[in-house]
Amino acid sequence: MRIRTSTSEELPVLQDIERAAGLCFRDIGMDEVADDEPLSLEELSRYQRAGRAWVAVDDADRAMAYLITDPVDGNIHIEQISVHPDSARRGVGRALIDHIATRAAGDGVPALTLTTFLDVAWNAPYYAARCGFRTLTEAELTPGLREIRLSEAGHGLDRWPRVCMRRDVG
């Protein structure tokens, strides 16, 4: 496995990865999440052009997972991370997160943040146990994280408990 920035040609593959990764939500009764469409090619292209879209690729240079980020309140916010089910449970997602953490530390960025489902095993429990994230209290939320949570609520994601998490990288 190797991690590199994504190319514009593989953006449709990123959509396919997200669709495939989302199907596991159907198994736990979260059909709306499973059916949610990935970001548009235009949106993904903005991340790719800004240098904020990374892929984990196999030996044949085929993308098997991706991660996109936004700058939020002086930190790097993981907007989306998706691993194709065929590559799941191999540390691919964790490797992507570690890659971004190393880049953040090198750039003097203090932390990574993300929002995720509290009670989904491969979400908050995974990020806490395997990736070094901790759940933020309401008082610890920055203005940008509050905006993200409001946007998520507007898209109906608050139907299931969600949390903001942080991993210090300095």
N, C-alpha and C. Protein backbone atom coordinates (compact mmCIF):
# COMPACT_ATOMS: atom_id res chain seq x y z
N MET A 1 0.84 -1.18 0.00
CA MET A 1 0.00 0.00 0.00
C MET A 1 0.89 1.24 0.00
N ARG A 2 0.42 2.24 -0.73
CA ARG A 2 1.10 3.52 -0.81
C ARG A 2 0.04 4.61 -0.70
N ILE A 3 0.41 5.75 -0.15
CA ILE A 3 -0.51 6.89 -0.04
C ILE A 3 0.04 8.03 -0.87
N ARG A 4 -0.85 8.62 -1.65
CA ARG A 4 -0.48 9.75 -2.51
C ARG A 4 -1.69 10.65 -2.68
N THR A 5 -1.46 11.83 -3.27
CA THR A 5 -2.60 12.70 -3.57
C THR A 5 -3.38 12.07 -4.72
N SER A 6 -4.65 12.37 -4.76
CA SER A 6 -5.50 11.79 -5.81
C SER A 6 -5.31 12.54 -7.12
N THR A 7 -5.66 11.89 -8.18
CA THR A 7 -5.65 12.51 -9.50
C THR A 7 -7.09 12.84 -9.90
N SER A 8 -7.22 13.75 -10.83
CA SER A 8 -8.57 14.10 -11.29
C SER A 8 -9.24 12.93 -11.99
N GLU A 9 -8.45 12.09 -12.65
CA GLU A 9 -9.02 10.95 -13.40
C GLU A 9 -9.65 9.91 -12.48
N GLU A 10 -9.20 9.82 -11.25
CA GLU A 10 -9.74 8.78 -10.38
C GLU A 10 -10.88 9.27 -9.48
N LEU A 11 -11.34 10.49 -9.66
CA LEU A 11 -12.43 10.99 -8.81
C LEU A 11 -13.69 10.12 -8.89
N PRO A 12 -14.08 9.61 -10.07
CA PRO A 12 -15.22 8.69 -10.09
C PRO A 12 -14.97 7.43 -9.26
N VAL A 13 -13.73 6.98 -9.18
CA VAL A 13 -13.39 5.81 -8.36
C VAL A 13 -13.63 6.14 -6.88
N LEU A 14 -13.31 7.38 -6.48
CA LEU A 14 -13.56 7.78 -5.09
C LEU A 14 -15.05 7.70 -4.77
N GLN A 15 -15.86 8.12 -5.72
CA GLN A 15 -17.31 7.99 -5.52
C GLN A 15 -17.71 6.53 -5.36
N ASP A 16 -17.15 5.66 -6.19
CA ASP A 16 -17.45 4.23 -6.09
C ASP A 16 -17.02 3.66 -4.74
N ILE A 17 -15.85 4.08 -4.25
CA ILE A 17 -15.36 3.62 -2.95
C ILE A 17 -16.34 4.05 -1.87
N GLU A 18 -16.79 5.30 -1.91
CA GLU A 18 -17.71 5.78 -0.88
C GLU A 18 -19.05 5.03 -0.94
N ARG A 19 -19.55 4.81 -2.12
CA ARG A 19 -20.82 4.05 -2.24
C ARG A 19 -20.66 2.65 -1.64
N ALA A 20 -19.58 1.97 -2.00
CA ALA A 20 -19.36 0.60 -1.51
C ALA A 20 -19.17 0.60 0.00
N ALA A 21 -18.40 1.55 0.52
CA ALA A 21 -18.15 1.62 1.97
C ALA A 21 -19.44 1.93 2.73
N GLY A 22 -20.30 2.69 2.12
CA GLY A 22 -21.54 3.07 2.80
C GLY A 22 -22.54 1.95 2.95
N LEU A 23 -22.42 0.91 2.15
CA LEU A 23 -23.40 -0.18 2.19
C LEU A 23 -23.46 -0.88 3.54
N CYS A 24 -22.35 -0.89 4.28
CA CYS A 24 -22.35 -1.57 5.58
C CYS A 24 -23.29 -0.89 6.57
N PHE A 25 -23.66 0.35 6.32
CA PHE A 25 -24.61 1.03 7.21
C PHE A 25 -26.01 0.39 7.11
N ARG A 26 -26.31 -0.21 5.98
CA ARG A 26 -27.60 -0.88 5.82
C ARG A 26 -27.72 -2.05 6.80
N ASP A 27 -26.60 -2.72 7.08
CA ASP A 27 -26.60 -3.86 7.99
C ASP A 27 -26.96 -3.49 9.42
N ILE A 28 -26.83 -2.21 9.77
CA ILE A 28 -27.14 -1.78 11.14
C ILE A 28 -28.35 -0.85 11.18
N GLY A 29 -29.17 -0.91 10.13
CA GLY A 29 -30.42 -0.16 10.12
C GLY A 29 -30.29 1.31 9.76
N MET A 30 -29.18 1.69 9.18
CA MET A 30 -28.99 3.10 8.80
C MET A 30 -29.07 3.22 7.27
N ASP A 31 -30.23 2.84 6.74
CA ASP A 31 -30.41 2.81 5.29
C ASP A 31 -30.20 4.17 4.64
N GLU A 32 -30.62 5.25 5.31
CA GLU A 32 -30.47 6.58 4.74
C GLU A 32 -28.99 6.92 4.53
N VAL A 33 -28.15 6.50 5.44
CA VAL A 33 -26.71 6.72 5.29
C VAL A 33 -26.18 5.87 4.15
N ALA A 34 -26.61 4.62 4.07
CA ALA A 34 -26.17 3.73 3.00
C ALA A 34 -26.59 4.26 1.63
N ASP A 35 -27.75 4.89 1.57
CA ASP A 35 -28.28 5.39 0.30
C ASP A 35 -27.78 6.78 -0.07
N ASP A 36 -27.09 7.45 0.85
CA ASP A 36 -26.63 8.81 0.59
C ASP A 36 -25.61 8.82 -0.54
N GLU A 37 -25.78 9.72 -1.46
CA GLU A 37 -24.85 9.82 -2.58
C GLU A 37 -23.54 10.45 -2.13
N PRO A 38 -22.43 10.03 -2.71
CA PRO A 38 -21.14 10.64 -2.37
C PRO A 38 -21.08 12.08 -2.87
N LEU A 39 -20.03 12.78 -2.49
CA LEU A 39 -19.82 14.12 -3.01
C LEU A 39 -19.79 14.08 -4.53
N SER A 40 -20.22 15.17 -5.14
CA SER A 40 -20.21 15.24 -6.60
C SER A 40 -18.78 15.30 -7.13
N LEU A 41 -18.63 15.04 -8.40
CA LEU A 41 -17.30 15.14 -9.02
C LEU A 41 -16.77 16.56 -8.90
N GLU A 42 -17.64 17.53 -9.01
CA GLU A 42 -17.23 18.93 -8.87
C GLU A 42 -16.68 19.21 -7.46
N GLU A 43 -17.39 18.70 -6.44
CA GLU A 43 -16.92 18.90 -5.06
C GLU A 43 -15.60 18.16 -4.82
N LEU A 44 -15.51 16.93 -5.27
CA LEU A 44 -14.27 16.18 -5.12
C LEU A 44 -13.12 16.85 -5.87
N SER A 45 -13.43 17.41 -7.02
CA SER A 45 -12.41 18.09 -7.81
C SER A 45 -11.84 19.29 -7.06
N ARG A 46 -12.68 20.00 -6.33
CA ARG A 46 -12.17 21.13 -5.53
C ARG A 46 -11.16 20.64 -4.49
N TYR A 47 -11.45 19.53 -3.82
CA TYR A 47 -10.50 18.96 -2.86
C TYR A 47 -9.21 18.54 -3.56
N GLN A 48 -9.36 17.88 -4.69
CA GLN A 48 -8.20 17.36 -5.42
C GLN A 48 -7.32 18.52 -5.90
N ARG A 49 -7.91 19.55 -6.46
CA ARG A 49 -7.13 20.70 -6.96
C ARG A 49 -6.44 21.44 -5.82
N ALA A 50 -7.06 21.45 -4.64
CA ALA A 50 -6.49 22.14 -3.48
C ALA A 50 -5.42 21.30 -2.78
N GLY A 51 -5.21 20.06 -3.24
CA GLY A 51 -4.21 19.19 -2.61
C GLY A 51 -4.68 18.65 -1.28
N ARG A 52 -6.00 18.51 -1.12
CA ARG A 52 -6.57 18.02 0.14
C ARG A 52 -7.36 16.72 -0.06
N ALA A 53 -6.92 15.92 -1.03
CA ALA A 53 -7.54 14.61 -1.28
C ALA A 53 -6.43 13.59 -1.46
N TRP A 54 -6.44 12.56 -0.63
CA TRP A 54 -5.42 11.53 -0.65
C TRP A 54 -6.06 10.17 -0.89
N VAL A 55 -5.28 9.30 -1.51
CA VAL A 55 -5.74 7.94 -1.74
C VAL A 55 -4.70 6.95 -1.23
N ALA A 56 -5.18 5.83 -0.76
CA ALA A 56 -4.33 4.68 -0.49
C ALA A 56 -4.49 3.79 -1.71
N VAL A 57 -3.36 3.41 -2.30
CA VAL A 57 -3.40 2.62 -3.53
C VAL A 57 -2.69 1.29 -3.33
N ASP A 58 -3.10 0.32 -4.12
CA ASP A 58 -2.48 -1.00 -4.05
C ASP A 58 -1.24 -1.03 -4.95
N ASP A 59 -0.64 -2.20 -5.11
CA ASP A 59 0.59 -2.34 -5.90
C ASP A 59 0.40 -1.98 -7.36
N ALA A 60 -0.84 -2.04 -7.84
CA ALA A 60 -1.13 -1.67 -9.23
C ALA A 60 -1.56 -0.21 -9.34
N ASP A 61 -1.39 0.55 -8.25
CA ASP A 61 -1.74 1.98 -8.20
C ASP A 61 -3.25 2.22 -8.34
N ARG A 62 -4.05 1.28 -7.87
CA ARG A 62 -5.51 1.43 -7.87
C ARG A 62 -5.95 1.90 -6.49
N ALA A 63 -6.78 2.92 -6.47
CA ALA A 63 -7.27 3.47 -5.20
C ALA A 63 -8.16 2.45 -4.50
N MET A 64 -7.90 2.25 -3.19
CA MET A 64 -8.73 1.36 -2.39
C MET A 64 -9.36 2.09 -1.22
N ALA A 65 -8.95 3.35 -1.00
CA ALA A 65 -9.50 4.18 0.07
C ALA A 65 -9.12 5.62 -0.22
N TYR A 66 -9.89 6.54 0.36
CA TYR A 66 -9.54 7.94 0.19
C TYR A 66 -9.91 8.73 1.44
N LEU A 67 -9.29 9.91 1.53
CA LEU A 67 -9.51 10.82 2.64
C LEU A 67 -9.45 12.24 2.09
N ILE A 68 -10.41 13.08 2.49
CA ILE A 68 -10.39 14.49 2.12
C ILE A 68 -10.47 15.34 3.38
N THR A 69 -9.86 16.51 3.32
CA THR A 69 -9.78 17.36 4.51
C THR A 69 -10.17 18.80 4.20
N ASP A 70 -10.52 19.49 5.28
CA ASP A 70 -10.77 20.93 5.26
C ASP A 70 -9.99 21.57 6.40
N PRO A 71 -9.51 22.79 6.19
CA PRO A 71 -8.96 23.52 7.34
C PRO A 71 -10.12 24.05 8.18
N VAL A 72 -10.11 23.76 9.47
CA VAL A 72 -11.17 24.23 10.36
C VAL A 72 -10.54 24.73 11.66
N ASP A 73 -10.66 26.00 11.89
CA ASP A 73 -10.21 26.61 13.14
C ASP A 73 -8.76 26.26 13.47
N GLY A 74 -7.90 26.31 12.47
CA GLY A 74 -6.48 26.08 12.69
C GLY A 74 -6.06 24.62 12.74
N ASN A 75 -7.01 23.72 12.58
CA ASN A 75 -6.74 22.29 12.57
C ASN A 75 -7.06 21.72 11.20
N ILE A 76 -6.74 20.45 11.01
CA ILE A 76 -7.13 19.76 9.79
C ILE A 76 -8.33 18.89 10.13
N HIS A 77 -9.44 19.16 9.45
CA HIS A 77 -10.67 18.42 9.69
C HIS A 77 -10.82 17.34 8.62
N ILE A 78 -10.97 16.10 9.03
CA ILE A 78 -11.21 15.00 8.10
C ILE A 78 -12.68 15.06 7.72
N GLU A 79 -12.92 15.52 6.50
CA GLU A 79 -14.29 15.67 6.01
C GLU A 79 -14.88 14.32 5.64
N GLN A 80 -14.06 13.47 5.04
CA GLN A 80 -14.55 12.15 4.65
C GLN A 80 -13.38 11.19 4.58
N ILE A 81 -13.59 10.00 5.06
CA ILE A 81 -12.64 8.91 4.87
C ILE A 81 -13.46 7.67 4.55
N SER A 82 -13.11 7.02 3.47
CA SER A 82 -13.84 5.82 3.05
C SER A 82 -12.85 4.77 2.57
N VAL A 83 -13.07 3.55 3.01
CA VAL A 83 -12.25 2.41 2.60
C VAL A 83 -13.17 1.42 1.89
N HIS A 84 -12.78 0.98 0.72
CA HIS A 84 -13.57 -0.02 0.00
C HIS A 84 -13.64 -1.29 0.86
N PRO A 85 -14.81 -1.92 0.95
CA PRO A 85 -14.94 -3.13 1.77
C PRO A 85 -13.93 -4.23 1.44
N ASP A 86 -13.50 -4.31 0.19
CA ASP A 86 -12.51 -5.33 -0.19
C ASP A 86 -11.15 -5.09 0.47
N SER A 87 -10.93 -3.87 0.97
CA SER A 87 -9.66 -3.53 1.61
C SER A 87 -9.82 -3.22 3.09
N ALA A 88 -11.02 -3.46 3.61
CA ALA A 88 -11.30 -3.15 5.01
C ALA A 88 -10.55 -4.08 5.95
N ARG A 89 -10.38 -3.63 7.17
CA ARG A 89 -9.75 -4.40 8.25
C ARG A 89 -8.30 -4.77 7.97
N ARG A 90 -7.63 -3.89 7.23
CA ARG A 90 -6.21 -4.09 6.93
C ARG A 90 -5.36 -2.90 7.37
N GLY A 91 -5.96 -1.96 8.09
CA GLY A 91 -5.22 -0.78 8.55
C GLY A 91 -5.10 0.32 7.51
N VAL A 92 -5.85 0.22 6.43
CA VAL A 92 -5.75 1.20 5.35
C VAL A 92 -6.25 2.58 5.81
N GLY A 93 -7.42 2.61 6.45
CA GLY A 93 -7.95 3.88 6.94
C GLY A 93 -7.04 4.50 7.98
N ARG A 94 -6.54 3.69 8.88
CA ARG A 94 -5.64 4.18 9.91
C ARG A 94 -4.36 4.73 9.28
N ALA A 95 -3.86 4.08 8.24
CA ALA A 95 -2.66 4.56 7.55
C ALA A 95 -2.92 5.94 6.91
N LEU A 96 -4.08 6.11 6.32
CA LEU A 96 -4.43 7.42 5.77
C LEU A 96 -4.45 8.48 6.86
N ILE A 97 -5.08 8.17 7.98
CA ILE A 97 -5.15 9.12 9.09
C ILE A 97 -3.75 9.43 9.61
N ASP A 98 -2.92 8.41 9.78
CA ASP A 98 -1.55 8.63 10.25
C ASP A 98 -0.75 9.49 9.27
N HIS A 99 -0.98 9.28 7.99
CA HIS A 99 -0.31 10.08 6.96
C HIS A 99 -0.67 11.56 7.12
N ILE A 100 -1.96 11.82 7.29
CA ILE A 100 -2.41 13.21 7.44
C ILE A 100 -1.90 13.79 8.76
N ALA A 101 -1.86 12.98 9.81
CA ALA A 101 -1.35 13.45 11.10
C ALA A 101 0.12 13.85 10.98
N THR A 102 0.90 13.05 10.27
CA THR A 102 2.32 13.37 10.07
C THR A 102 2.48 14.66 9.29
N ARG A 103 1.70 14.82 8.25
CA ARG A 103 1.74 16.07 7.46
C ARG A 103 1.34 17.26 8.32
N ALA A 104 0.30 17.08 9.12
CA ALA A 104 -0.17 18.18 9.98
C ALA A 104 0.92 18.59 10.96
N ALA A 105 1.53 17.61 11.61
CA ALA A 105 2.59 17.90 12.57
C ALA A 105 3.74 18.63 11.89
N GLY A 106 4.11 18.20 10.70
CA GLY A 106 5.18 18.84 9.95
C GLY A 106 4.87 20.27 9.57
N ASP A 107 3.59 20.56 9.38
CA ASP A 107 3.15 21.91 9.03
C ASP A 107 2.82 22.76 10.25
N GLY A 108 3.02 22.20 11.44
CA GLY A 108 2.74 22.95 12.66
C GLY A 108 1.28 23.05 13.01
N VAL A 109 0.46 22.20 12.41
CA VAL A 109 -0.97 22.16 12.72
C VAL A 109 -1.14 21.34 14.00
N PRO A 110 -1.89 21.85 14.98
CA PRO A 110 -1.94 21.16 16.27
C PRO A 110 -2.75 19.87 16.32
N ALA A 111 -3.77 19.73 15.47
CA ALA A 111 -4.66 18.58 15.65
C ALA A 111 -5.43 18.25 14.39
N LEU A 112 -5.92 17.00 14.37
CA LEU A 112 -6.91 16.56 13.40
C LEU A 112 -8.25 16.55 14.11
N THR A 113 -9.30 16.85 13.39
CA THR A 113 -10.65 16.72 13.94
C THR A 113 -11.51 15.95 12.95
N LEU A 114 -12.61 15.43 13.45
CA LEU A 114 -13.60 14.77 12.59
C LEU A 114 -14.92 14.72 13.34
N THR A 115 -15.97 14.48 12.60
CA THR A 115 -17.28 14.21 13.20
C THR A 115 -17.68 12.82 12.76
N THR A 116 -18.41 12.10 13.63
CA THR A 116 -18.69 10.70 13.32
C THR A 116 -19.85 10.20 14.16
N PHE A 117 -20.32 9.03 13.84
CA PHE A 117 -21.40 8.41 14.61
C PHE A 117 -20.85 7.81 15.90
N LEU A 118 -21.51 8.10 16.99
CA LEU A 118 -21.08 7.67 18.31
C LEU A 118 -21.16 6.15 18.49
N ASP A 119 -22.24 5.55 18.03
CA ASP A 119 -22.53 4.15 18.34
C ASP A 119 -22.27 3.17 17.21
N VAL A 120 -21.54 3.59 16.19
CA VAL A 120 -21.22 2.71 15.08
C VAL A 120 -19.79 2.20 15.31
N ALA A 121 -19.63 0.90 15.38
CA ALA A 121 -18.36 0.29 15.80
C ALA A 121 -17.16 0.79 15.00
N TRP A 122 -17.33 1.00 13.69
CA TRP A 122 -16.20 1.42 12.86
C TRP A 122 -16.12 2.95 12.77
N ASN A 123 -16.84 3.64 13.62
CA ASN A 123 -16.77 5.10 13.69
C ASN A 123 -16.13 5.51 15.02
N ALA A 124 -16.84 6.21 15.89
CA ALA A 124 -16.23 6.76 17.11
C ALA A 124 -15.45 5.73 17.93
N PRO A 125 -16.01 4.54 18.19
CA PRO A 125 -15.23 3.57 18.98
C PRO A 125 -13.89 3.20 18.31
N TYR A 126 -13.90 3.07 17.00
CA TYR A 126 -12.69 2.75 16.25
C TYR A 126 -11.68 3.90 16.33
N TYR A 127 -12.16 5.12 16.07
CA TYR A 127 -11.25 6.27 16.08
C TYR A 127 -10.61 6.45 17.45
N ALA A 128 -11.35 6.17 18.51
CA ALA A 128 -10.80 6.30 19.87
C ALA A 128 -9.81 5.18 20.17
N ALA A 129 -10.17 3.95 19.88
CA ALA A 129 -9.34 2.80 20.26
C ALA A 129 -8.12 2.62 19.35
N ARG A 130 -8.26 2.92 18.06
CA ARG A 130 -7.21 2.58 17.10
C ARG A 130 -6.46 3.76 16.51
N CYS A 131 -7.06 4.96 16.59
CA CYS A 131 -6.47 6.09 15.86
C CYS A 131 -6.09 7.28 16.73
N GLY A 132 -6.27 7.16 18.04
CA GLY A 132 -5.81 8.22 18.93
C GLY A 132 -6.71 9.42 19.07
N PHE A 133 -7.95 9.31 18.66
CA PHE A 133 -8.89 10.43 18.80
C PHE A 133 -9.59 10.35 20.15
N ARG A 134 -10.03 11.51 20.63
CA ARG A 134 -10.85 11.57 21.82
C ARG A 134 -12.09 12.40 21.50
N THR A 135 -13.18 12.07 22.16
CA THR A 135 -14.43 12.79 21.96
C THR A 135 -14.35 14.15 22.65
N LEU A 136 -14.77 15.18 21.95
CA LEU A 136 -14.78 16.53 22.51
C LEU A 136 -16.08 16.77 23.26
N THR A 137 -15.98 17.49 24.35
CA THR A 137 -17.18 17.91 25.07
C THR A 137 -17.81 19.07 24.31
N GLU A 138 -19.03 19.37 24.63
CA GLU A 138 -19.72 20.49 24.00
C GLU A 138 -18.94 21.79 24.19
N ALA A 139 -18.38 21.98 25.37
CA ALA A 139 -17.62 23.20 25.67
C ALA A 139 -16.33 23.30 24.84
N GLU A 140 -15.80 22.17 24.37
CA GLU A 140 -14.56 22.16 23.59
C GLU A 140 -14.77 22.41 22.10
N LEU A 141 -16.00 22.42 21.66
CA LEU A 141 -16.26 22.59 20.23
C LEU A 141 -15.88 24.00 19.78
N THR A 142 -15.15 24.07 18.69
CA THR A 142 -14.77 25.36 18.12
C THR A 142 -15.93 25.87 17.26
N PRO A 143 -15.90 27.14 16.90
CA PRO A 143 -16.99 27.66 16.04
C PRO A 143 -17.15 26.87 14.74
N GLY A 144 -16.03 26.51 14.12
CA GLY A 144 -16.12 25.76 12.87
C GLY A 144 -16.73 24.39 13.04
N LEU A 145 -16.39 23.71 14.14
CA LEU A 145 -16.99 22.40 14.40
C LEU A 145 -18.47 22.53 14.69
N ARG A 146 -18.86 23.59 15.36
CA ARG A 146 -20.29 23.83 15.60
C ARG A 146 -21.03 24.03 14.28
N GLU A 147 -20.42 24.74 13.35
CA GLU A 147 -21.03 24.95 12.02
C GLU A 147 -21.18 23.62 11.28
N ILE A 148 -20.16 22.80 11.36
CA ILE A 148 -20.21 21.49 10.71
C ILE A 148 -21.35 20.66 11.29
N ARG A 149 -21.48 20.65 12.59
CA ARG A 149 -22.54 19.87 13.24
C ARG A 149 -23.92 20.40 12.84
N LEU A 150 -24.06 21.72 12.74
CA LEU A 150 -25.34 22.28 12.30
C LEU A 150 -25.66 21.85 10.87
N SER A 151 -24.65 21.86 10.02
CA SER A 151 -24.84 21.42 8.64
C SER A 151 -25.23 19.95 8.59
N GLU A 152 -24.57 19.13 9.40
CA GLU A 152 -24.92 17.71 9.45
C GLU A 152 -26.35 17.50 9.93
N ALA A 153 -26.74 18.27 10.92
CA ALA A 153 -28.11 18.17 11.43
C ALA A 153 -29.10 18.55 10.32
N GLY A 154 -28.74 19.55 9.53
CA GLY A 154 -29.59 19.95 8.42
C GLY A 154 -29.73 18.88 7.36
N HIS A 155 -28.78 17.99 7.29
CA HIS A 155 -28.84 16.86 6.35
C HIS A 155 -29.43 15.61 6.99
N GLY A 156 -29.92 15.73 8.21
CA GLY A 156 -30.59 14.61 8.86
C GLY A 156 -29.68 13.63 9.58
N LEU A 157 -28.39 13.93 9.67
CA LEU A 157 -27.48 12.98 10.31
C LEU A 157 -27.66 12.90 11.82
N ASP A 158 -28.32 13.88 12.41
CA ASP A 158 -28.54 13.84 13.86
C ASP A 158 -29.63 12.85 14.27
N ARG A 159 -30.16 12.13 13.31
CA ARG A 159 -31.11 11.08 13.64
C ARG A 159 -30.44 10.02 14.52
N TRP A 160 -29.11 9.91 14.37
CA TRP A 160 -28.29 8.99 15.17
C TRP A 160 -27.27 9.85 15.91
N PRO A 161 -26.90 9.46 17.14
CA PRO A 161 -25.96 10.28 17.91
C PRO A 161 -24.62 10.45 17.19
N ARG A 162 -24.16 11.71 17.15
CA ARG A 162 -22.89 12.04 16.52
C ARG A 162 -22.02 12.80 17.50
N VAL A 163 -20.73 12.72 17.27
CA VAL A 163 -19.77 13.42 18.13
C VAL A 163 -18.68 14.07 17.27
N CYS A 164 -18.03 15.04 17.86
CA CYS A 164 -16.81 15.62 17.29
C CYS A 164 -15.65 15.01 18.05
N MET A 165 -14.59 14.71 17.31
CA MET A 165 -13.42 14.09 17.93
C MET A 165 -12.16 14.84 17.50
N ARG A 166 -11.12 14.68 18.31
CA ARG A 166 -9.86 15.39 18.07
C ARG A 166 -8.68 14.45 18.37
N ARG A 167 -7.64 14.60 17.52
CA ARG A 167 -6.37 13.90 17.75
C ARG A 167 -5.27 14.95 17.69
N ASP A 168 -4.61 15.17 18.81
CA ASP A 168 -3.48 16.08 18.84
C ASP A 168 -2.32 15.44 18.07
N VAL A 169 -1.58 16.26 17.31
CA VAL A 169 -0.51 15.71 16.49
C VAL A 169 0.85 16.33 16.80
N GLY A 170 0.90 17.34 17.65
CA GLY A 170 2.16 18.07 17.89
C GLY A 170 3.10 17.42 18.81
